[in-house]
Amino acid sequence: MPHIHTNYGDHDHTASAYIIRLDGDAPRVMLHVHKKLGVLMQFGGHVEVNETPWQAILHELTEETGYAPEQLRVLQPKERLTSLTDADLHPVALVQSTHTFNPVPGHFHTDTAYLFVTYEDPATAPGEGETATSVWLTREEAAALTLDETYANVQEIIAYAFSKLGNWEVAELPKPVKL
């Protein structure tokens, strides 16, 4: 989806996913080469006007990674709200941040990033028109990326995500509800 807000100083809401694979010798994070920016980043996209951040990330995951939602689990703090009356409770985000979207001067993205884990390959290939270049990196490999290959804040979030693996619990993906 294109940017909803196009004026100088405007903000678009995005949702993104850090996926860590837990099988193998060491945990690995999945990144892809962003189509417009040309650097390794997490998966995600714009939250459309008729969806929540949770709905947005569920469809972005399928489109961009090929993972079906049932192949993934969301990591959550052990102490959290687990239900609300008359409300659709979303999983707790790994991080929510606002950053400049560099190709558009004066434009910002406020990103809600979730942390997922898996033990398997994606069920399908990424959707048509999505980047086919993705990599699995260990904590050390992600930390060693240069600023020509990724952004410093992506590396900082990855380091934080790896630190949560033993402290957060693996939860089933809640189904989004249309209110």
N, C-alpha and C. Protein backbone atom coordinates (compact mmCIF):
# COMPACT_ATOMS: atom_id res chain seq x y z
N MET A 1 0.85 -1.18 0.00
CA MET A 1 0.00 0.00 0.00
C MET A 1 0.89 1.24 0.00
N PRO A 2 0.51 2.26 -0.75
CA PRO A 2 1.29 3.49 -0.75
C PRO A 2 1.09 4.26 0.55
N HIS A 3 1.87 5.29 0.70
CA HIS A 3 1.76 6.14 1.88
C HIS A 3 0.38 6.79 1.92
N ILE A 4 -0.24 6.77 3.11
CA ILE A 4 -1.55 7.40 3.29
C ILE A 4 -1.36 8.90 3.46
N HIS A 5 -0.35 9.26 4.21
CA HIS A 5 -0.07 10.66 4.51
C HIS A 5 1.12 11.10 3.67
N THR A 6 0.95 12.14 2.88
CA THR A 6 2.00 12.51 1.93
C THR A 6 2.55 13.92 2.14
N ASN A 7 2.05 14.63 3.13
CA ASN A 7 2.55 15.99 3.38
C ASN A 7 3.79 15.96 4.26
N TYR A 8 4.59 17.02 4.15
CA TYR A 8 5.79 17.14 4.97
C TYR A 8 5.40 17.05 6.45
N GLY A 9 6.11 16.22 7.21
CA GLY A 9 5.86 16.05 8.63
C GLY A 9 4.82 15.00 8.96
N ASP A 10 4.20 14.39 7.96
CA ASP A 10 3.18 13.37 8.19
C ASP A 10 3.80 12.05 8.66
N HIS A 11 2.97 11.24 9.31
CA HIS A 11 3.36 9.92 9.81
C HIS A 11 2.45 8.86 9.23
N ASP A 12 3.03 7.75 8.80
CA ASP A 12 2.27 6.55 8.44
C ASP A 12 2.52 5.51 9.50
N HIS A 13 1.50 4.70 9.80
CA HIS A 13 1.65 3.59 10.75
C HIS A 13 2.04 2.35 9.97
N THR A 14 3.09 1.67 10.41
CA THR A 14 3.53 0.43 9.79
C THR A 14 3.55 -0.67 10.86
N ALA A 15 3.53 -1.91 10.39
CA ALA A 15 3.65 -3.06 11.27
C ALA A 15 4.76 -3.94 10.70
N SER A 16 5.60 -4.47 11.58
CA SER A 16 6.70 -5.29 11.09
C SER A 16 6.92 -6.51 11.97
N ALA A 17 7.73 -7.43 11.45
CA ALA A 17 7.97 -8.70 12.13
C ALA A 17 9.44 -9.07 12.10
N TYR A 18 9.92 -9.44 13.27
CA TYR A 18 11.23 -10.07 13.40
C TYR A 18 10.94 -11.55 13.64
N ILE A 19 11.45 -12.40 12.75
CA ILE A 19 11.21 -13.84 12.84
C ILE A 19 12.52 -14.51 13.20
N ILE A 20 12.50 -15.28 14.29
CA ILE A 20 13.69 -16.03 14.70
C ILE A 20 13.40 -17.52 14.59
N ARG A 21 14.28 -18.20 13.90
CA ARG A 21 14.15 -19.65 13.72
C ARG A 21 14.96 -20.34 14.80
N LEU A 22 14.31 -21.28 15.49
CA LEU A 22 14.92 -21.90 16.67
C LEU A 22 15.48 -23.29 16.43
N ASP A 23 15.26 -23.87 15.26
CA ASP A 23 15.88 -25.17 14.99
C ASP A 23 17.31 -24.93 14.49
N GLY A 24 18.10 -25.95 14.45
CA GLY A 24 19.48 -25.78 14.00
C GLY A 24 20.43 -25.55 15.16
N ASP A 25 21.67 -25.24 14.84
CA ASP A 25 22.72 -25.08 15.85
C ASP A 25 22.57 -23.83 16.71
N ALA A 26 22.03 -22.75 16.13
CA ALA A 26 21.88 -21.49 16.85
C ALA A 26 20.65 -20.76 16.32
N PRO A 27 19.99 -19.98 17.15
CA PRO A 27 18.87 -19.19 16.66
C PRO A 27 19.33 -18.23 15.56
N ARG A 28 18.46 -18.03 14.57
CA ARG A 28 18.77 -17.17 13.44
C ARG A 28 17.58 -16.26 13.15
N VAL A 29 17.86 -15.02 12.80
CA VAL A 29 16.81 -14.05 12.44
C VAL A 29 16.72 -13.97 10.92
N MET A 30 15.50 -13.86 10.44
CA MET A 30 15.26 -13.76 9.00
C MET A 30 15.09 -12.29 8.61
N LEU A 31 15.87 -11.86 7.65
CA LEU A 31 15.78 -10.51 7.10
C LEU A 31 15.65 -10.60 5.59
N HIS A 32 15.19 -9.52 4.98
CA HIS A 32 15.11 -9.49 3.52
C HIS A 32 15.65 -8.16 3.02
N VAL A 33 15.99 -8.14 1.74
CA VAL A 33 16.44 -6.90 1.12
C VAL A 33 15.20 -6.08 0.77
N HIS A 34 15.06 -4.92 1.41
CA HIS A 34 13.91 -4.04 1.19
C HIS A 34 13.92 -3.57 -0.27
N LYS A 35 12.76 -3.66 -0.91
CA LYS A 35 12.65 -3.34 -2.34
C LYS A 35 13.05 -1.91 -2.67
N LYS A 36 12.68 -0.95 -1.83
CA LYS A 36 12.97 0.45 -2.13
C LYS A 36 14.29 0.92 -1.54
N LEU A 37 14.66 0.38 -0.38
CA LEU A 37 15.83 0.87 0.33
C LEU A 37 17.10 0.10 0.01
N GLY A 38 16.96 -1.16 -0.46
CA GLY A 38 18.13 -1.95 -0.85
C GLY A 38 19.00 -2.43 0.29
N VAL A 39 18.46 -2.44 1.53
CA VAL A 39 19.22 -2.92 2.69
C VAL A 39 18.42 -4.02 3.39
N LEU A 40 19.13 -4.80 4.22
CA LEU A 40 18.48 -5.88 4.97
C LEU A 40 17.62 -5.29 6.08
N MET A 41 16.37 -5.75 6.14
CA MET A 41 15.43 -5.25 7.13
C MET A 41 14.46 -6.37 7.54
N GLN A 42 13.70 -6.08 8.58
CA GLN A 42 12.62 -6.96 8.98
C GLN A 42 11.50 -6.88 7.93
N PHE A 43 10.53 -7.79 8.03
CA PHE A 43 9.40 -7.81 7.11
C PHE A 43 8.29 -6.90 7.63
N GLY A 44 7.49 -6.33 6.74
CA GLY A 44 6.36 -5.53 7.20
C GLY A 44 5.87 -4.59 6.13
N GLY A 45 4.92 -3.76 6.53
CA GLY A 45 4.35 -2.80 5.60
C GLY A 45 3.39 -1.86 6.29
N HIS A 46 2.72 -1.06 5.49
CA HIS A 46 1.79 -0.06 6.00
C HIS A 46 0.54 -0.71 6.58
N VAL A 47 0.04 -0.11 7.65
CA VAL A 47 -1.26 -0.49 8.20
C VAL A 47 -2.29 0.26 7.36
N GLU A 48 -3.17 -0.49 6.70
CA GLU A 48 -4.17 0.12 5.85
C GLU A 48 -5.27 0.75 6.70
N VAL A 49 -6.03 1.66 6.11
CA VAL A 49 -7.02 2.42 6.86
C VAL A 49 -8.12 1.55 7.46
N ASN A 50 -8.31 0.33 6.95
CA ASN A 50 -9.37 -0.53 7.45
C ASN A 50 -8.84 -1.73 8.24
N GLU A 51 -7.63 -1.62 8.80
CA GLU A 51 -7.09 -2.75 9.56
C GLU A 51 -6.30 -2.28 10.77
N THR A 52 -6.11 -3.22 11.69
CA THR A 52 -5.30 -2.97 12.88
C THR A 52 -3.85 -3.34 12.55
N PRO A 53 -2.90 -2.94 13.40
CA PRO A 53 -1.51 -3.36 13.18
C PRO A 53 -1.39 -4.89 13.17
N TRP A 54 -2.15 -5.59 14.03
CA TRP A 54 -2.07 -7.05 14.08
C TRP A 54 -2.58 -7.66 12.78
N GLN A 55 -3.68 -7.16 12.24
CA GLN A 55 -4.18 -7.66 10.97
C GLN A 55 -3.17 -7.38 9.86
N ALA A 56 -2.56 -6.21 9.90
CA ALA A 56 -1.58 -5.84 8.87
C ALA A 56 -0.40 -6.80 8.87
N ILE A 57 0.15 -7.09 10.05
CA ILE A 57 1.35 -7.93 10.06
C ILE A 57 1.03 -9.36 9.66
N LEU A 58 -0.16 -9.84 9.98
CA LEU A 58 -0.51 -11.21 9.57
C LEU A 58 -0.55 -11.34 8.05
N HIS A 59 -1.11 -10.37 7.34
CA HIS A 59 -1.11 -10.50 5.88
C HIS A 59 0.26 -10.18 5.28
N GLU A 60 1.01 -9.26 5.89
CA GLU A 60 2.36 -8.95 5.39
C GLU A 60 3.28 -10.17 5.52
N LEU A 61 3.16 -10.91 6.62
CA LEU A 61 3.99 -12.11 6.81
C LEU A 61 3.77 -13.11 5.69
N THR A 62 2.53 -13.37 5.36
CA THR A 62 2.22 -14.33 4.31
C THR A 62 2.74 -13.83 2.97
N GLU A 63 2.48 -12.57 2.65
CA GLU A 63 2.90 -12.01 1.37
C GLU A 63 4.41 -11.95 1.23
N GLU A 64 5.11 -11.49 2.27
CA GLU A 64 6.54 -11.20 2.14
C GLU A 64 7.45 -12.38 2.48
N THR A 65 6.99 -13.29 3.35
CA THR A 65 7.87 -14.39 3.76
C THR A 65 7.46 -15.74 3.22
N GLY A 66 6.18 -15.92 2.93
CA GLY A 66 5.66 -17.24 2.56
C GLY A 66 5.23 -18.06 3.76
N TYR A 67 5.46 -17.54 4.97
CA TYR A 67 5.02 -18.25 6.17
C TYR A 67 3.50 -18.15 6.31
N ALA A 68 2.86 -19.26 6.57
CA ALA A 68 1.45 -19.26 6.95
C ALA A 68 1.39 -18.93 8.44
N PRO A 69 0.38 -18.20 8.89
CA PRO A 69 0.32 -17.84 10.31
C PRO A 69 0.45 -19.03 11.26
N GLU A 70 -0.08 -20.18 10.89
CA GLU A 70 0.00 -21.34 11.78
C GLU A 70 1.42 -21.90 11.92
N GLN A 71 2.36 -21.44 11.10
CA GLN A 71 3.75 -21.87 11.22
C GLN A 71 4.53 -21.03 12.23
N LEU A 72 3.93 -19.96 12.71
CA LEU A 72 4.63 -19.03 13.58
C LEU A 72 3.99 -18.97 14.95
N ARG A 73 4.79 -18.60 15.93
CA ARG A 73 4.32 -18.30 17.28
C ARG A 73 4.84 -16.92 17.63
N VAL A 74 4.08 -16.20 18.41
CA VAL A 74 4.47 -14.85 18.81
C VAL A 74 5.07 -14.92 20.21
N LEU A 75 6.20 -14.28 20.41
CA LEU A 75 6.79 -14.22 21.75
C LEU A 75 6.13 -13.08 22.53
N GLN A 76 5.80 -13.37 23.79
CA GLN A 76 5.07 -12.43 24.62
C GLN A 76 5.67 -12.38 26.02
N PRO A 77 5.62 -11.20 26.67
CA PRO A 77 6.06 -11.13 28.06
C PRO A 77 5.21 -12.09 28.90
N LYS A 78 5.82 -12.67 29.92
CA LYS A 78 5.08 -13.61 30.77
C LYS A 78 3.96 -12.90 31.53
N GLU A 79 4.19 -11.66 31.91
CA GLU A 79 3.16 -10.88 32.59
C GLU A 79 2.58 -9.88 31.60
N ARG A 80 1.31 -10.11 31.26
CA ARG A 80 0.62 -9.25 30.30
C ARG A 80 -0.88 -9.46 30.44
N LEU A 81 -1.64 -8.55 29.94
CA LEU A 81 -3.09 -8.74 29.84
C LEU A 81 -3.34 -9.85 28.83
N THR A 82 -4.28 -10.73 29.12
CA THR A 82 -4.60 -11.80 28.18
C THR A 82 -6.01 -11.70 27.62
N SER A 83 -6.81 -10.78 28.17
CA SER A 83 -8.15 -10.54 27.61
C SER A 83 -8.65 -9.19 28.08
N LEU A 84 -9.55 -8.64 27.28
CA LEU A 84 -10.22 -7.38 27.61
C LEU A 84 -11.68 -7.51 27.21
N THR A 85 -12.56 -6.93 28.00
CA THR A 85 -13.98 -6.93 27.68
C THR A 85 -14.25 -5.93 26.57
N ASP A 86 -15.00 -6.36 25.58
CA ASP A 86 -15.43 -5.50 24.47
C ASP A 86 -14.26 -4.84 23.74
N ALA A 87 -13.17 -5.56 23.60
CA ALA A 87 -12.01 -5.03 22.88
C ALA A 87 -11.24 -6.19 22.25
N ASP A 88 -10.59 -5.90 21.15
CA ASP A 88 -9.71 -6.86 20.49
C ASP A 88 -8.31 -6.62 21.04
N LEU A 89 -7.81 -7.52 21.87
CA LEU A 89 -6.50 -7.37 22.50
C LEU A 89 -5.43 -7.92 21.57
N HIS A 90 -4.49 -7.08 21.20
CA HIS A 90 -3.40 -7.48 20.32
C HIS A 90 -2.23 -8.01 21.14
N PRO A 91 -1.38 -8.83 20.53
CA PRO A 91 -0.16 -9.22 21.23
C PRO A 91 0.68 -7.98 21.57
N VAL A 92 1.49 -8.12 22.59
CA VAL A 92 2.39 -7.04 22.99
C VAL A 92 3.49 -6.94 21.93
N ALA A 93 3.73 -5.74 21.47
CA ALA A 93 4.78 -5.53 20.46
C ALA A 93 6.15 -5.67 21.10
N LEU A 94 7.11 -6.12 20.31
CA LEU A 94 8.50 -6.15 20.75
C LEU A 94 8.98 -4.73 20.98
N VAL A 95 8.63 -3.85 20.05
CA VAL A 95 9.03 -2.44 20.15
C VAL A 95 8.09 -1.63 19.27
N GLN A 96 7.88 -0.38 19.67
CA GLN A 96 7.16 0.56 18.82
C GLN A 96 8.03 1.80 18.74
N SER A 97 8.32 2.22 17.51
CA SER A 97 9.23 3.35 17.34
C SER A 97 8.82 4.19 16.14
N THR A 98 9.31 5.41 16.12
CA THR A 98 9.08 6.31 14.99
C THR A 98 10.44 6.67 14.40
N HIS A 99 10.51 6.60 13.08
CA HIS A 99 11.76 6.92 12.38
C HIS A 99 11.45 7.64 11.07
N THR A 100 12.43 8.34 10.56
CA THR A 100 12.31 9.00 9.27
C THR A 100 12.33 7.94 8.18
N PHE A 101 11.46 8.08 7.21
CA PHE A 101 11.50 7.21 6.02
C PHE A 101 12.34 7.95 4.99
N ASN A 102 13.59 7.56 4.88
CA ASN A 102 14.61 8.33 4.16
C ASN A 102 14.29 8.72 2.72
N PRO A 103 13.68 7.88 1.90
CA PRO A 103 13.45 8.33 0.52
C PRO A 103 12.46 9.49 0.40
N VAL A 104 11.68 9.75 1.44
CA VAL A 104 10.69 10.84 1.40
C VAL A 104 11.07 11.85 2.48
N PRO A 105 11.71 12.95 2.13
CA PRO A 105 12.14 13.93 3.14
C PRO A 105 10.97 14.41 4.00
N GLY A 106 11.18 14.45 5.31
CA GLY A 106 10.17 14.94 6.23
C GLY A 106 9.01 13.99 6.47
N HIS A 107 9.13 12.73 6.03
CA HIS A 107 8.07 11.74 6.22
C HIS A 107 8.52 10.73 7.28
N PHE A 108 7.57 10.27 8.09
CA PHE A 108 7.89 9.38 9.20
C PHE A 108 7.04 8.12 9.17
N HIS A 109 7.60 7.06 9.70
CA HIS A 109 6.87 5.82 9.95
C HIS A 109 6.88 5.56 11.45
N THR A 110 5.71 5.28 12.00
CA THR A 110 5.61 4.78 13.37
C THR A 110 5.34 3.30 13.24
N ASP A 111 6.32 2.50 13.66
CA ASP A 111 6.29 1.06 13.43
C ASP A 111 5.97 0.29 14.70
N THR A 112 5.03 -0.64 14.58
CA THR A 112 4.72 -1.60 15.63
C THR A 112 5.35 -2.92 15.21
N ALA A 113 6.41 -3.33 15.92
CA ALA A 113 7.17 -4.53 15.53
C ALA A 113 6.90 -5.67 16.51
N TYR A 114 6.56 -6.83 15.96
CA TYR A 114 6.28 -8.03 16.74
C TYR A 114 7.43 -9.02 16.59
N LEU A 115 7.56 -9.91 17.58
CA LEU A 115 8.61 -10.93 17.56
C LEU A 115 7.96 -12.31 17.41
N PHE A 116 8.36 -13.02 16.37
CA PHE A 116 7.84 -14.36 16.08
C PHE A 116 8.97 -15.38 16.12
N VAL A 117 8.61 -16.63 16.41
CA VAL A 117 9.56 -17.74 16.32
C VAL A 117 8.95 -18.84 15.47
N THR A 118 9.82 -19.66 14.89
CA THR A 118 9.40 -20.79 14.09
C THR A 118 10.48 -21.86 14.15
N TYR A 119 10.09 -23.06 13.70
CA TYR A 119 11.02 -24.19 13.66
C TYR A 119 11.09 -24.78 12.25
N GLU A 120 10.56 -24.08 11.27
CA GLU A 120 10.46 -24.67 9.93
C GLU A 120 10.60 -23.63 8.83
N ASP A 121 10.75 -24.15 7.60
CA ASP A 121 10.80 -23.30 6.41
C ASP A 121 9.42 -22.73 6.12
N PRO A 122 9.35 -21.62 5.39
CA PRO A 122 8.04 -21.10 4.98
C PRO A 122 7.29 -22.11 4.12
N ALA A 123 5.96 -22.11 4.22
CA ALA A 123 5.12 -23.05 3.47
C ALA A 123 5.17 -22.77 1.97
N THR A 124 5.31 -21.50 1.60
CA THR A 124 5.32 -21.12 0.18
C THR A 124 6.40 -20.08 -0.07
N ALA A 125 6.56 -19.72 -1.32
CA ALA A 125 7.48 -18.63 -1.68
C ALA A 125 6.80 -17.30 -1.38
N PRO A 126 7.57 -16.23 -1.24
CA PRO A 126 6.95 -14.91 -1.10
C PRO A 126 6.03 -14.62 -2.28
N GLY A 127 5.06 -13.74 -2.07
CA GLY A 127 4.10 -13.39 -3.11
C GLY A 127 4.75 -12.70 -4.30
N GLU A 128 4.01 -12.68 -5.40
CA GLU A 128 4.49 -12.03 -6.61
C GLU A 128 4.75 -10.55 -6.34
N GLY A 129 5.89 -10.07 -6.81
CA GLY A 129 6.26 -8.68 -6.61
C GLY A 129 7.01 -8.41 -5.32
N GLU A 130 7.11 -9.42 -4.45
CA GLU A 130 7.86 -9.27 -3.21
C GLU A 130 9.31 -9.66 -3.44
N THR A 131 10.20 -9.18 -2.59
CA THR A 131 11.61 -9.51 -2.74
C THR A 131 11.83 -11.01 -2.53
N ALA A 132 12.68 -11.58 -3.34
CA ALA A 132 13.00 -13.00 -3.21
C ALA A 132 14.30 -13.19 -2.44
N THR A 133 14.94 -12.09 -2.05
CA THR A 133 16.22 -12.17 -1.38
C THR A 133 16.03 -12.05 0.13
N SER A 134 16.15 -13.18 0.81
CA SER A 134 16.11 -13.17 2.27
C SER A 134 17.26 -14.00 2.79
N VAL A 135 17.64 -13.71 4.04
CA VAL A 135 18.77 -14.41 4.66
C VAL A 135 18.41 -14.75 6.10
N TRP A 136 19.06 -15.78 6.62
CA TRP A 136 18.97 -16.16 8.03
C TRP A 136 20.31 -15.85 8.66
N LEU A 137 20.32 -15.04 9.72
CA LEU A 137 21.57 -14.62 10.36
C LEU A 137 21.55 -14.94 11.85
N THR A 138 22.69 -15.41 12.35
CA THR A 138 22.83 -15.59 13.79
C THR A 138 22.93 -14.21 14.45
N ARG A 139 22.89 -14.19 15.75
CA ARG A 139 23.04 -12.92 16.49
C ARG A 139 24.35 -12.24 16.10
N GLU A 140 25.42 -13.01 16.02
CA GLU A 140 26.74 -12.45 15.70
C GLU A 140 26.79 -11.93 14.26
N GLU A 141 26.20 -12.67 13.33
CA GLU A 141 26.19 -12.23 11.93
C GLU A 141 25.37 -10.95 11.76
N ALA A 142 24.24 -10.86 12.45
CA ALA A 142 23.42 -9.65 12.37
C ALA A 142 24.17 -8.46 12.96
N ALA A 143 24.87 -8.67 14.06
CA ALA A 143 25.63 -7.59 14.70
C ALA A 143 26.79 -7.12 13.83
N ALA A 144 27.30 -8.01 12.98
CA ALA A 144 28.45 -7.68 12.14
C ALA A 144 28.07 -6.97 10.84
N LEU A 145 26.78 -6.83 10.55
CA LEU A 145 26.38 -6.13 9.34
C LEU A 145 26.88 -4.69 9.38
N THR A 146 27.23 -4.18 8.21
CA THR A 146 27.68 -2.78 8.14
C THR A 146 26.47 -1.87 7.92
N LEU A 147 26.67 -0.58 8.09
CA LEU A 147 25.59 0.38 7.88
C LEU A 147 25.23 0.53 6.41
N ASP A 148 26.01 -0.05 5.52
CA ASP A 148 25.64 -0.13 4.10
C ASP A 148 24.68 -1.30 3.87
N GLU A 149 24.66 -2.25 4.81
CA GLU A 149 23.84 -3.45 4.66
C GLU A 149 22.51 -3.39 5.42
N THR A 150 22.44 -2.60 6.48
CA THR A 150 21.23 -2.47 7.30
C THR A 150 21.31 -1.17 8.07
N TYR A 151 20.31 -0.92 8.90
CA TYR A 151 20.29 0.27 9.76
C TYR A 151 20.70 -0.10 11.17
N ALA A 152 21.29 0.85 11.87
CA ALA A 152 21.73 0.62 13.25
C ALA A 152 20.53 0.24 14.13
N ASN A 153 19.37 0.91 13.93
CA ASN A 153 18.23 0.58 14.79
C ASN A 153 17.69 -0.82 14.53
N VAL A 154 17.83 -1.32 13.32
CA VAL A 154 17.44 -2.72 13.03
C VAL A 154 18.35 -3.66 13.81
N GLN A 155 19.65 -3.39 13.82
CA GLN A 155 20.59 -4.22 14.58
C GLN A 155 20.29 -4.16 16.08
N GLU A 156 19.96 -2.98 16.58
CA GLU A 156 19.65 -2.85 18.01
C GLU A 156 18.40 -3.64 18.38
N ILE A 157 17.38 -3.60 17.53
CA ILE A 157 16.16 -4.35 17.80
C ILE A 157 16.42 -5.85 17.71
N ILE A 158 17.24 -6.28 16.76
CA ILE A 158 17.59 -7.71 16.65
C ILE A 158 18.30 -8.17 17.91
N ALA A 159 19.25 -7.39 18.40
CA ALA A 159 19.97 -7.76 19.63
C ALA A 159 18.99 -7.87 20.79
N TYR A 160 18.05 -6.96 20.89
CA TYR A 160 17.03 -7.00 21.93
C TYR A 160 16.13 -8.23 21.75
N ALA A 161 15.74 -8.53 20.52
CA ALA A 161 14.89 -9.69 20.25
C ALA A 161 15.58 -10.99 20.70
N PHE A 162 16.85 -11.14 20.37
CA PHE A 162 17.58 -12.34 20.80
C PHE A 162 17.62 -12.42 22.33
N SER A 163 17.70 -11.29 23.00
CA SER A 163 17.75 -11.30 24.47
C SER A 163 16.43 -11.73 25.09
N LYS A 164 15.33 -11.67 24.36
CA LYS A 164 14.01 -12.02 24.89
C LYS A 164 13.69 -13.50 24.73
N LEU A 165 14.51 -14.25 24.00
CA LEU A 165 14.18 -15.64 23.71
C LEU A 165 13.98 -16.48 24.97
N GLY A 166 14.76 -16.29 26.00
CA GLY A 166 14.62 -17.07 27.23
C GLY A 166 13.70 -16.44 28.25
N ASN A 167 13.30 -15.18 28.04
CA ASN A 167 12.52 -14.47 29.03
C ASN A 167 11.04 -14.34 28.69
N TRP A 168 10.70 -14.40 27.41
CA TRP A 168 9.30 -14.29 27.00
C TRP A 168 8.78 -15.67 26.68
N GLU A 169 7.48 -15.85 26.72
CA GLU A 169 6.89 -17.15 26.42
C GLU A 169 6.36 -17.20 25.00
N VAL A 170 6.35 -18.39 24.46
CA VAL A 170 5.84 -18.63 23.12
C VAL A 170 4.32 -18.76 23.21
N ALA A 171 3.60 -17.97 22.45
CA ALA A 171 2.13 -17.97 22.49
C ALA A 171 1.56 -18.27 21.12
N GLU A 172 0.36 -18.82 21.12
CA GLU A 172 -0.36 -19.02 19.87
C GLU A 172 -0.70 -17.65 19.28
N LEU A 173 -0.85 -17.58 17.97
CA LEU A 173 -1.24 -16.33 17.34
C LEU A 173 -2.73 -16.11 17.55
N PRO A 174 -3.12 -14.99 18.15
CA PRO A 174 -4.56 -14.72 18.26
C PRO A 174 -5.13 -14.36 16.89
N LYS A 175 -6.35 -14.74 16.67
CA LYS A 175 -7.04 -14.38 15.43
C LYS A 175 -7.57 -12.96 15.58
N PRO A 176 -7.32 -12.10 14.59
CA PRO A 176 -7.85 -10.73 14.69
C PRO A 176 -9.37 -10.75 14.59
N VAL A 177 -9.98 -9.83 15.30
CA VAL A 177 -11.43 -9.71 15.32
C VAL A 177 -11.79 -8.37 14.67
N LYS A 178 -12.78 -8.40 13.81
CA LYS A 178 -13.30 -7.14 13.24
C LYS A 178 -14.36 -6.63 14.20
N LEU A 179 -14.13 -5.49 14.82
CA LEU A 179 -15.10 -4.91 15.74
C LEU A 179 -16.15 -4.11 14.99
